[in-house]
Amino acid sequence: MKTIVTYKSKSGYTKRYAEWIAQELGCDIKENPELSDIMRYDTIIYGGGMYAGGFNGGKLITKNLDKLSGKKIALFAVGSNPGREHEMKIFWDRVLTAEQQKTIGYFYLRGGFDFDKLTAKDKVLMKMLKVKLQKTKERTEDEQGMLDAYDTPVDFSDKENNRPLIEFVLK
């Protein structure tokens, strides 16, 4: 079966995972794909970052599922949050319908946060979040960790996080 790993990456964490997955599977890889780039493949793996509850570029797959019928599809989202199951369920329920979740493999791969790698637009948005977090008197552990990461980048990327996705693709 012909397999491709495709992705959109803003700060490099999704790209790193995509490269690790492609290396492990010995398959093609394509950044910023278009539908025509993936149609000739039997297995399509798509990765994008999580931003404000959204999935960077994921609509390429979800809006074209009728055209991708019969193909094995795996999605991976990359973010800096811990990926708690209940939080990820809310995220994936926004991205995929219940019916789509039955046939598409979907995975969360924890990345990191480096303010300096953000685009100008994303920096503005993240500065607004920082101000909000700074005004919060009683912060959660996650909120404090996010605040700390503005000054000291964090990287939770780990090649082993790919294991469930790789197993899904190979079965």
N, C-alpha and C. Protein backbone atom coordinates (compact mmCIF):
# COMPACT_ATOMS: atom_id res chain seq x y z
N MET A 1 0.83 -1.19 0.00
CA MET A 1 0.00 0.00 0.00
C MET A 1 0.87 1.25 0.00
N LYS A 2 0.53 2.22 -0.84
CA LYS A 2 1.27 3.49 -0.88
C LYS A 2 0.78 4.39 0.24
N THR A 3 1.73 4.90 0.99
CA THR A 3 1.42 5.73 2.15
C THR A 3 2.11 7.08 2.03
N ILE A 4 1.41 8.12 2.50
CA ILE A 4 2.00 9.45 2.56
C ILE A 4 1.68 10.09 3.90
N VAL A 5 2.66 10.81 4.42
CA VAL A 5 2.46 11.63 5.61
C VAL A 5 2.41 13.06 5.11
N THR A 6 1.35 13.77 5.45
CA THR A 6 1.19 15.17 5.08
C THR A 6 1.00 15.98 6.34
N TYR A 7 1.34 17.26 6.26
CA TYR A 7 1.23 18.07 7.49
C TYR A 7 1.29 19.56 7.18
N LYS A 8 0.84 20.32 8.17
CA LYS A 8 1.03 21.76 8.22
C LYS A 8 1.67 22.04 9.57
N SER A 9 2.73 22.81 9.56
CA SER A 9 3.46 23.09 10.80
C SER A 9 3.81 24.56 10.88
N LYS A 10 3.52 25.17 12.01
CA LYS A 10 3.85 26.59 12.20
C LYS A 10 5.17 26.74 12.95
N SER A 11 5.38 25.93 13.97
CA SER A 11 6.57 26.14 14.81
C SER A 11 7.53 24.95 14.83
N GLY A 12 7.25 23.94 14.01
CA GLY A 12 8.20 22.85 13.84
C GLY A 12 7.89 21.54 14.55
N TYR A 13 7.02 21.55 15.53
CA TYR A 13 6.73 20.33 16.28
C TYR A 13 5.98 19.31 15.42
N THR A 14 5.00 19.78 14.65
CA THR A 14 4.26 18.88 13.76
C THR A 14 5.19 18.34 12.67
N LYS A 15 6.04 19.19 12.14
CA LYS A 15 7.00 18.75 11.12
C LYS A 15 7.90 17.65 11.67
N ARG A 16 8.37 17.82 12.89
CA ARG A 16 9.24 16.81 13.50
C ARG A 16 8.52 15.47 13.58
N TYR A 17 7.28 15.48 14.07
CA TYR A 17 6.52 14.23 14.15
C TYR A 17 6.29 13.63 12.77
N ALA A 18 5.94 14.47 11.80
CA ALA A 18 5.70 13.96 10.44
C ALA A 18 6.95 13.28 9.89
N GLU A 19 8.10 13.89 10.11
CA GLU A 19 9.35 13.30 9.63
C GLU A 19 9.64 11.98 10.33
N TRP A 20 9.40 11.92 11.63
CA TRP A 20 9.62 10.66 12.36
C TRP A 20 8.69 9.56 11.84
N ILE A 21 7.43 9.91 11.60
CA ILE A 21 6.45 8.91 11.11
C ILE A 21 6.85 8.43 9.72
N ALA A 22 7.18 9.36 8.83
CA ALA A 22 7.57 8.98 7.46
C ALA A 22 8.82 8.11 7.48
N GLN A 23 9.76 8.44 8.34
CA GLN A 23 10.99 7.65 8.45
C GLN A 23 10.66 6.24 8.93
N GLU A 24 9.84 6.15 9.95
CA GLU A 24 9.48 4.83 10.51
C GLU A 24 8.75 3.97 9.48
N LEU A 25 7.87 4.59 8.71
CA LEU A 25 7.08 3.83 7.72
C LEU A 25 7.77 3.72 6.36
N GLY A 26 8.83 4.49 6.16
CA GLY A 26 9.52 4.47 4.87
C GLY A 26 8.62 4.95 3.74
N CYS A 27 7.88 6.02 4.00
CA CYS A 27 6.90 6.49 3.01
C CYS A 27 7.18 7.94 2.60
N ASP A 28 6.38 8.41 1.67
CA ASP A 28 6.49 9.78 1.19
C ASP A 28 6.01 10.77 2.25
N ILE A 29 6.44 12.02 2.10
CA ILE A 29 6.06 13.09 3.03
C ILE A 29 5.84 14.36 2.22
N LYS A 30 4.85 15.16 2.63
CA LYS A 30 4.54 16.40 1.90
C LYS A 30 4.01 17.44 2.87
N GLU A 31 4.66 18.62 2.87
CA GLU A 31 4.18 19.73 3.69
C GLU A 31 3.16 20.54 2.89
N ASN A 32 2.17 21.09 3.59
CA ASN A 32 1.13 21.93 2.99
C ASN A 32 0.49 21.28 1.76
N PRO A 33 -0.07 20.09 1.92
CA PRO A 33 -0.59 19.36 0.77
C PRO A 33 -1.89 19.96 0.22
N GLU A 34 -2.14 19.61 -1.01
CA GLU A 34 -3.43 19.88 -1.64
C GLU A 34 -4.06 18.51 -1.93
N LEU A 35 -5.34 18.50 -2.21
CA LEU A 35 -6.03 17.24 -2.44
C LEU A 35 -5.35 16.41 -3.53
N SER A 36 -4.91 17.06 -4.59
CA SER A 36 -4.26 16.34 -5.69
C SER A 36 -2.97 15.64 -5.25
N ASP A 37 -2.35 16.13 -4.20
CA ASP A 37 -1.11 15.52 -3.69
C ASP A 37 -1.33 14.17 -3.02
N ILE A 38 -2.55 13.92 -2.56
CA ILE A 38 -2.79 12.72 -1.75
C ILE A 38 -3.69 11.68 -2.42
N MET A 39 -4.30 12.03 -3.51
CA MET A 39 -5.30 11.14 -4.12
C MET A 39 -4.73 9.79 -4.58
N ARG A 40 -3.47 9.73 -4.94
CA ARG A 40 -2.93 8.47 -5.47
C ARG A 40 -2.44 7.52 -4.38
N TYR A 41 -2.63 7.89 -3.13
CA TYR A 41 -2.15 7.07 -2.01
C TYR A 41 -3.30 6.26 -1.41
N ASP A 42 -2.94 5.08 -0.89
CA ASP A 42 -3.92 4.21 -0.23
C ASP A 42 -4.10 4.58 1.24
N THR A 43 -3.00 5.04 1.86
CA THR A 43 -3.02 5.44 3.26
C THR A 43 -2.54 6.88 3.36
N ILE A 44 -3.36 7.70 4.03
CA ILE A 44 -3.05 9.12 4.17
C ILE A 44 -2.98 9.45 5.65
N ILE A 45 -1.85 9.99 6.05
CA ILE A 45 -1.64 10.44 7.43
C ILE A 45 -1.52 11.95 7.38
N TYR A 46 -2.36 12.65 8.13
CA TYR A 46 -2.33 14.10 8.12
C TYR A 46 -2.08 14.63 9.53
N GLY A 47 -1.15 15.56 9.66
CA GLY A 47 -0.86 16.17 10.95
C GLY A 47 -0.96 17.68 10.90
N GLY A 48 -1.47 18.23 11.98
CA GLY A 48 -1.57 19.68 12.09
C GLY A 48 -1.55 20.09 13.55
N GLY A 49 -1.22 21.32 13.78
CA GLY A 49 -1.19 21.84 15.14
C GLY A 49 -2.58 22.18 15.65
N MET A 50 -2.70 22.15 16.97
CA MET A 50 -3.93 22.59 17.64
C MET A 50 -3.76 24.07 17.96
N TYR A 51 -4.71 24.86 17.52
CA TYR A 51 -4.65 26.30 17.77
C TYR A 51 -6.04 26.78 18.15
N ALA A 52 -6.16 27.27 19.37
CA ALA A 52 -7.43 27.81 19.88
C ALA A 52 -8.58 26.82 19.63
N GLY A 53 -8.30 25.57 19.86
CA GLY A 53 -9.33 24.54 19.70
C GLY A 53 -9.52 24.07 18.28
N GLY A 54 -8.82 24.66 17.33
CA GLY A 54 -8.92 24.24 15.94
C GLY A 54 -7.78 23.32 15.55
N PHE A 55 -7.88 22.77 14.34
CA PHE A 55 -6.91 21.80 13.85
C PHE A 55 -6.35 22.33 12.54
N ASN A 56 -5.11 22.80 12.55
CA ASN A 56 -4.47 23.46 11.43
C ASN A 56 -4.50 22.60 10.16
N GLY A 57 -5.33 23.00 9.20
CA GLY A 57 -5.37 22.33 7.91
C GLY A 57 -6.20 21.06 7.83
N GLY A 58 -6.78 20.65 8.93
CA GLY A 58 -7.51 19.38 8.97
C GLY A 58 -8.70 19.30 8.03
N LYS A 59 -9.22 20.43 7.62
CA LYS A 59 -10.38 20.43 6.71
C LYS A 59 -10.05 19.84 5.35
N LEU A 60 -8.77 19.83 4.99
CA LEU A 60 -8.38 19.18 3.73
C LEU A 60 -8.92 17.75 3.73
N ILE A 61 -8.82 17.09 4.84
CA ILE A 61 -9.28 15.71 4.95
C ILE A 61 -10.79 15.65 5.21
N THR A 62 -11.25 16.36 6.24
CA THR A 62 -12.65 16.22 6.65
C THR A 62 -13.64 16.70 5.59
N LYS A 63 -13.26 17.69 4.81
CA LYS A 63 -14.17 18.21 3.76
C LYS A 63 -14.11 17.39 2.48
N ASN A 64 -13.16 16.46 2.39
CA ASN A 64 -12.99 15.68 1.16
C ASN A 64 -13.13 14.18 1.40
N LEU A 65 -13.76 13.80 2.48
CA LEU A 65 -13.87 12.37 2.80
C LEU A 65 -14.59 11.58 1.72
N ASP A 66 -15.55 12.19 1.04
CA ASP A 66 -16.22 11.49 -0.05
C ASP A 66 -15.24 11.13 -1.17
N LYS A 67 -14.30 12.01 -1.46
CA LYS A 67 -13.29 11.76 -2.50
C LYS A 67 -12.21 10.78 -2.02
N LEU A 68 -12.07 10.64 -0.70
CA LEU A 68 -11.04 9.78 -0.12
C LEU A 68 -11.61 8.43 0.32
N SER A 69 -12.80 8.14 -0.09
CA SER A 69 -13.47 6.88 0.28
C SER A 69 -12.60 5.68 -0.10
N GLY A 70 -12.51 4.73 0.81
CA GLY A 70 -11.74 3.51 0.57
C GLY A 70 -10.28 3.62 0.98
N LYS A 71 -9.86 4.79 1.39
CA LYS A 71 -8.47 4.98 1.82
C LYS A 71 -8.39 4.90 3.34
N LYS A 72 -7.26 4.44 3.84
CA LYS A 72 -7.02 4.44 5.28
C LYS A 72 -6.53 5.83 5.66
N ILE A 73 -7.17 6.42 6.66
CA ILE A 73 -6.83 7.79 7.04
C ILE A 73 -6.50 7.84 8.53
N ALA A 74 -5.41 8.52 8.83
CA ALA A 74 -5.02 8.77 10.23
C ALA A 74 -4.71 10.26 10.37
N LEU A 75 -5.23 10.85 11.41
CA LEU A 75 -4.97 12.25 11.71
C LEU A 75 -4.16 12.34 13.00
N PHE A 76 -3.23 13.29 13.05
CA PHE A 76 -2.56 13.54 14.31
C PHE A 76 -2.52 15.04 14.56
N ALA A 77 -2.89 15.40 15.78
CA ALA A 77 -2.86 16.80 16.21
C ALA A 77 -1.70 16.96 17.18
N VAL A 78 -1.02 18.09 17.08
CA VAL A 78 0.13 18.36 17.93
C VAL A 78 -0.14 19.65 18.70
N GLY A 79 0.09 19.59 20.00
CA GLY A 79 -0.10 20.76 20.84
C GLY A 79 0.80 20.69 22.05
N SER A 80 0.76 21.73 22.83
CA SER A 80 1.62 21.77 24.02
C SER A 80 0.92 21.27 25.27
N ASN A 81 -0.41 21.12 25.21
CA ASN A 81 -1.12 20.69 26.41
C ASN A 81 -0.87 19.22 26.71
N PRO A 82 -1.15 18.78 27.93
CA PRO A 82 -0.85 17.39 28.32
C PRO A 82 -1.66 16.33 27.56
N GLY A 83 -2.74 16.73 26.92
CA GLY A 83 -3.53 15.76 26.15
C GLY A 83 -4.41 14.87 27.01
N ARG A 84 -4.97 15.45 28.04
CA ARG A 84 -5.87 14.68 28.91
C ARG A 84 -7.05 14.15 28.10
N GLU A 85 -7.44 12.94 28.40
CA GLU A 85 -8.44 12.25 27.60
C GLU A 85 -9.73 13.05 27.44
N HIS A 86 -10.26 13.59 28.54
CA HIS A 86 -11.53 14.33 28.45
C HIS A 86 -11.38 15.60 27.61
N GLU A 87 -10.22 16.25 27.67
CA GLU A 87 -9.99 17.45 26.85
C GLU A 87 -9.85 17.08 25.37
N MET A 88 -9.18 15.98 25.11
CA MET A 88 -8.99 15.55 23.73
C MET A 88 -10.30 15.07 23.11
N LYS A 89 -11.16 14.48 23.92
CA LYS A 89 -12.47 14.06 23.40
C LYS A 89 -13.25 15.26 22.88
N ILE A 90 -13.23 16.35 23.64
CA ILE A 90 -13.92 17.57 23.21
C ILE A 90 -13.31 18.07 21.90
N PHE A 91 -12.00 18.08 21.82
CA PHE A 91 -11.31 18.52 20.60
C PHE A 91 -11.71 17.66 19.41
N TRP A 92 -11.56 16.33 19.54
CA TRP A 92 -11.83 15.45 18.40
C TRP A 92 -13.31 15.46 18.03
N ASP A 93 -14.20 15.67 18.99
CA ASP A 93 -15.63 15.78 18.68
C ASP A 93 -15.93 17.02 17.84
N ARG A 94 -15.10 18.06 17.97
CA ARG A 94 -15.25 19.25 17.13
C ARG A 94 -14.70 19.01 15.72
N VAL A 95 -13.66 18.21 15.63
CA VAL A 95 -12.98 17.98 14.35
C VAL A 95 -13.68 16.91 13.51
N LEU A 96 -14.10 15.83 14.17
CA LEU A 96 -14.69 14.68 13.46
C LEU A 96 -16.08 14.35 14.00
N THR A 97 -16.97 13.96 13.11
CA THR A 97 -18.28 13.50 13.54
C THR A 97 -18.11 12.13 14.21
N ALA A 98 -19.14 11.70 14.93
CA ALA A 98 -19.10 10.38 15.57
C ALA A 98 -18.91 9.29 14.52
N GLU A 99 -19.53 9.43 13.37
CA GLU A 99 -19.40 8.45 12.28
C GLU A 99 -17.96 8.42 11.75
N GLN A 100 -17.36 9.58 11.57
CA GLN A 100 -15.99 9.67 11.08
C GLN A 100 -15.00 9.06 12.08
N GLN A 101 -15.28 9.22 13.37
CA GLN A 101 -14.39 8.67 14.39
C GLN A 101 -14.36 7.14 14.38
N LYS A 102 -15.36 6.52 13.76
CA LYS A 102 -15.39 5.05 13.68
C LYS A 102 -14.40 4.51 12.65
N THR A 103 -14.07 5.31 11.64
CA THR A 103 -13.22 4.80 10.56
C THR A 103 -11.87 5.50 10.44
N ILE A 104 -11.77 6.70 10.96
CA ILE A 104 -10.52 7.46 10.87
C ILE A 104 -9.73 7.26 12.17
N GLY A 105 -8.45 7.02 12.04
CA GLY A 105 -7.60 6.97 13.22
C GLY A 105 -7.25 8.40 13.62
N TYR A 106 -7.35 8.71 14.89
CA TYR A 106 -7.01 10.07 15.32
C TYR A 106 -6.19 10.00 16.60
N PHE A 107 -5.14 10.84 16.63
CA PHE A 107 -4.13 10.73 17.68
C PHE A 107 -3.66 12.12 18.10
N TYR A 108 -3.29 12.23 19.36
CA TYR A 108 -2.70 13.46 19.88
C TYR A 108 -1.24 13.19 20.20
N LEU A 109 -0.36 14.05 19.69
CA LEU A 109 1.07 13.92 19.93
C LEU A 109 1.53 15.22 20.58
N ARG A 110 1.99 15.13 21.80
CA ARG A 110 2.36 16.33 22.53
C ARG A 110 3.64 16.94 21.96
N GLY A 111 3.57 18.22 21.64
CA GLY A 111 4.70 18.93 21.08
C GLY A 111 5.34 19.85 22.09
N GLY A 112 5.23 21.13 21.86
CA GLY A 112 5.84 22.08 22.77
C GLY A 112 5.37 23.49 22.48
N PHE A 113 6.06 24.44 23.09
CA PHE A 113 5.72 25.84 22.89
C PHE A 113 7.00 26.67 22.93
N ASP A 114 7.19 27.45 21.88
CA ASP A 114 8.33 28.35 21.81
C ASP A 114 7.81 29.66 21.22
N PHE A 115 7.61 30.63 22.09
CA PHE A 115 7.04 31.91 21.67
C PHE A 115 7.81 32.52 20.51
N ASP A 116 9.12 32.41 20.52
CA ASP A 116 9.95 33.02 19.47
C ASP A 116 9.72 32.41 18.09
N LYS A 117 9.18 31.21 18.01
CA LYS A 117 8.94 30.56 16.72
C LYS A 117 7.57 30.91 16.12
N LEU A 118 6.76 31.65 16.85
CA LEU A 118 5.42 31.99 16.37
C LEU A 118 5.46 33.07 15.30
N THR A 119 4.42 33.07 14.46
CA THR A 119 4.27 34.14 13.48
C THR A 119 3.86 35.41 14.22
N ALA A 120 3.97 36.55 13.56
CA ALA A 120 3.60 37.82 14.19
C ALA A 120 2.14 37.80 14.65
N LYS A 121 1.27 37.27 13.83
CA LYS A 121 -0.16 37.20 14.18
C LYS A 121 -0.37 36.32 15.41
N ASP A 122 0.28 35.17 15.43
CA ASP A 122 0.14 34.26 16.57
C ASP A 122 0.74 34.87 17.84
N LYS A 123 1.81 35.63 17.69
CA LYS A 123 2.41 36.29 18.86
C LYS A 123 1.43 37.28 19.49
N VAL A 124 0.71 38.02 18.65
CA VAL A 124 -0.28 38.96 19.17
C VAL A 124 -1.35 38.21 19.96
N LEU A 125 -1.86 37.14 19.38
CA LEU A 125 -2.89 36.34 20.06
C LEU A 125 -2.37 35.76 21.37
N MET A 126 -1.15 35.27 21.33
CA MET A 126 -0.58 34.67 22.54
C MET A 126 -0.24 35.72 23.60
N LYS A 127 0.09 36.92 23.19
CA LYS A 127 0.31 38.00 24.16
C LYS A 127 -0.99 38.34 24.87
N MET A 128 -2.09 38.29 24.13
CA MET A 128 -3.40 38.53 24.75
C MET A 128 -3.71 37.45 25.77
N LEU A 129 -3.41 36.21 25.44
CA LEU A 129 -3.61 35.12 26.39
C LEU A 129 -2.71 35.30 27.61
N LYS A 130 -1.49 35.72 27.38
CA LYS A 130 -0.54 35.92 28.49
C LYS A 130 -1.08 36.96 29.47
N VAL A 131 -1.59 38.06 28.95
CA VAL A 131 -2.16 39.11 29.81
C VAL A 131 -3.32 38.55 30.63
N LYS A 132 -4.16 37.79 29.97
CA LYS A 132 -5.30 37.17 30.67
C LYS A 132 -4.81 36.24 31.78
N LEU A 133 -3.83 35.42 31.46
CA LEU A 133 -3.30 34.49 32.46
C LEU A 133 -2.63 35.24 33.62
N GLN A 134 -1.93 36.31 33.30
CA GLN A 134 -1.27 37.08 34.36
C GLN A 134 -2.27 37.71 35.32
N LYS A 135 -3.46 38.03 34.82
CA LYS A 135 -4.50 38.65 35.65
C LYS A 135 -5.25 37.62 36.50
N THR A 136 -5.10 36.35 36.16
CA THR A 136 -5.77 35.28 36.90
C THR A 136 -5.05 35.09 38.23
N LYS A 137 -5.79 35.26 39.32
CA LYS A 137 -5.17 35.18 40.65
C LYS A 137 -4.84 33.75 41.05
N GLU A 138 -5.75 32.84 40.81
CA GLU A 138 -5.50 31.44 41.16
C GLU A 138 -5.42 30.63 39.86
N ARG A 139 -4.20 30.35 39.47
CA ARG A 139 -3.97 29.65 38.21
C ARG A 139 -3.90 28.14 38.43
N THR A 140 -4.35 27.41 37.39
CA THR A 140 -4.17 25.96 37.41
C THR A 140 -2.70 25.68 37.10
N GLU A 141 -2.30 24.45 37.30
CA GLU A 141 -0.93 24.04 36.98
C GLU A 141 -0.64 24.26 35.49
N ASP A 142 -1.63 23.94 34.64
CA ASP A 142 -1.46 24.13 33.20
C ASP A 142 -1.31 25.61 32.84
N GLU A 143 -2.11 26.46 33.48
CA GLU A 143 -2.02 27.90 33.20
C GLU A 143 -0.66 28.45 33.62
N GLN A 144 -0.17 28.03 34.78
CA GLN A 144 1.14 28.49 35.23
C GLN A 144 2.25 27.97 34.30
N GLY A 145 2.11 26.72 33.88
CA GLY A 145 3.08 26.15 32.94
C GLY A 145 3.11 26.91 31.63
N MET A 146 1.94 27.33 31.17
CA MET A 146 1.86 28.10 29.93
C MET A 146 2.55 29.45 30.11
N LEU A 147 2.29 30.10 31.22
CA LEU A 147 2.94 31.38 31.51
C LEU A 147 4.46 31.23 31.55
N ASP A 148 4.92 30.20 32.20
CA ASP A 148 6.36 29.96 32.31
C ASP A 148 6.99 29.73 30.94
N ALA A 149 6.24 29.11 30.03
CA ALA A 149 6.77 28.76 28.71
C ALA A 149 7.00 29.98 27.82
N TYR A 150 6.40 31.10 28.16
CA TYR A 150 6.66 32.31 27.38
C TYR A 150 8.13 32.71 27.48
N ASP A 151 8.71 32.47 28.64
CA ASP A 151 10.11 32.85 28.87
C ASP A 151 11.09 31.70 28.63
N THR A 152 10.62 30.49 28.87
CA THR A 152 11.47 29.31 28.71
C THR A 152 10.74 28.29 27.85
N PRO A 153 11.11 28.16 26.59
CA PRO A 153 10.41 27.21 25.71
C PRO A 153 10.38 25.80 26.29
N VAL A 154 9.30 25.08 25.97
CA VAL A 154 9.15 23.69 26.42
C VAL A 154 9.00 22.79 25.20
N ASP A 155 9.54 21.60 25.30
CA ASP A 155 9.46 20.63 24.20
C ASP A 155 9.20 19.25 24.80
N PHE A 156 8.00 18.74 24.56
CA PHE A 156 7.61 17.43 25.06
C PHE A 156 7.62 16.38 23.95
N SER A 157 8.12 16.73 22.77
CA SER A 157 8.13 15.80 21.64
C SER A 157 8.90 14.54 22.01
N ASP A 158 8.35 13.42 21.57
CA ASP A 158 8.98 12.14 21.85
C ASP A 158 8.59 11.17 20.72
N LYS A 159 9.55 10.61 20.09
CA LYS A 159 9.32 9.68 18.97
C LYS A 159 8.37 8.55 19.37
N GLU A 160 8.44 8.13 20.61
CA GLU A 160 7.58 7.03 21.09
C GLU A 160 6.10 7.40 21.08
N ASN A 161 5.78 8.70 21.10
CA ASN A 161 4.38 9.12 21.04
C ASN A 161 3.71 8.66 19.75
N ASN A 162 4.52 8.38 18.72
CA ASN A 162 3.99 7.93 17.43
C ASN A 162 3.48 6.49 17.44
N ARG A 163 3.89 5.73 18.43
CA ARG A 163 3.64 4.28 18.42
C ARG A 163 2.19 3.91 18.12
N PRO A 164 1.17 4.48 18.81
CA PRO A 164 -0.21 4.08 18.50
C PRO A 164 -0.61 4.40 17.06
N LEU A 165 -0.14 5.53 16.52
CA LEU A 165 -0.45 5.88 15.14
C LEU A 165 0.21 4.88 14.18
N ILE A 166 1.45 4.56 14.41
CA ILE A 166 2.16 3.60 13.55
C ILE A 166 1.45 2.25 13.58
N GLU A 167 1.05 1.81 14.76
CA GLU A 167 0.34 0.52 14.88
C GLU A 167 -0.98 0.57 14.13
N PHE A 168 -1.70 1.69 14.20
CA PHE A 168 -2.96 1.83 13.46
C PHE A 168 -2.73 1.68 11.96
N VAL A 169 -1.71 2.36 11.46
CA VAL A 169 -1.43 2.35 10.02
C VAL A 169 -1.01 0.95 9.57
N LEU A 170 -0.24 0.25 10.38
CA LEU A 170 0.29 -1.06 9.98
C LEU A 170 -0.72 -2.20 10.12
N LYS A 171 -1.78 -2.00 10.85
CA LYS A 171 -2.73 -3.13 11.01
C LYS A 171 -3.70 -3.23 9.85
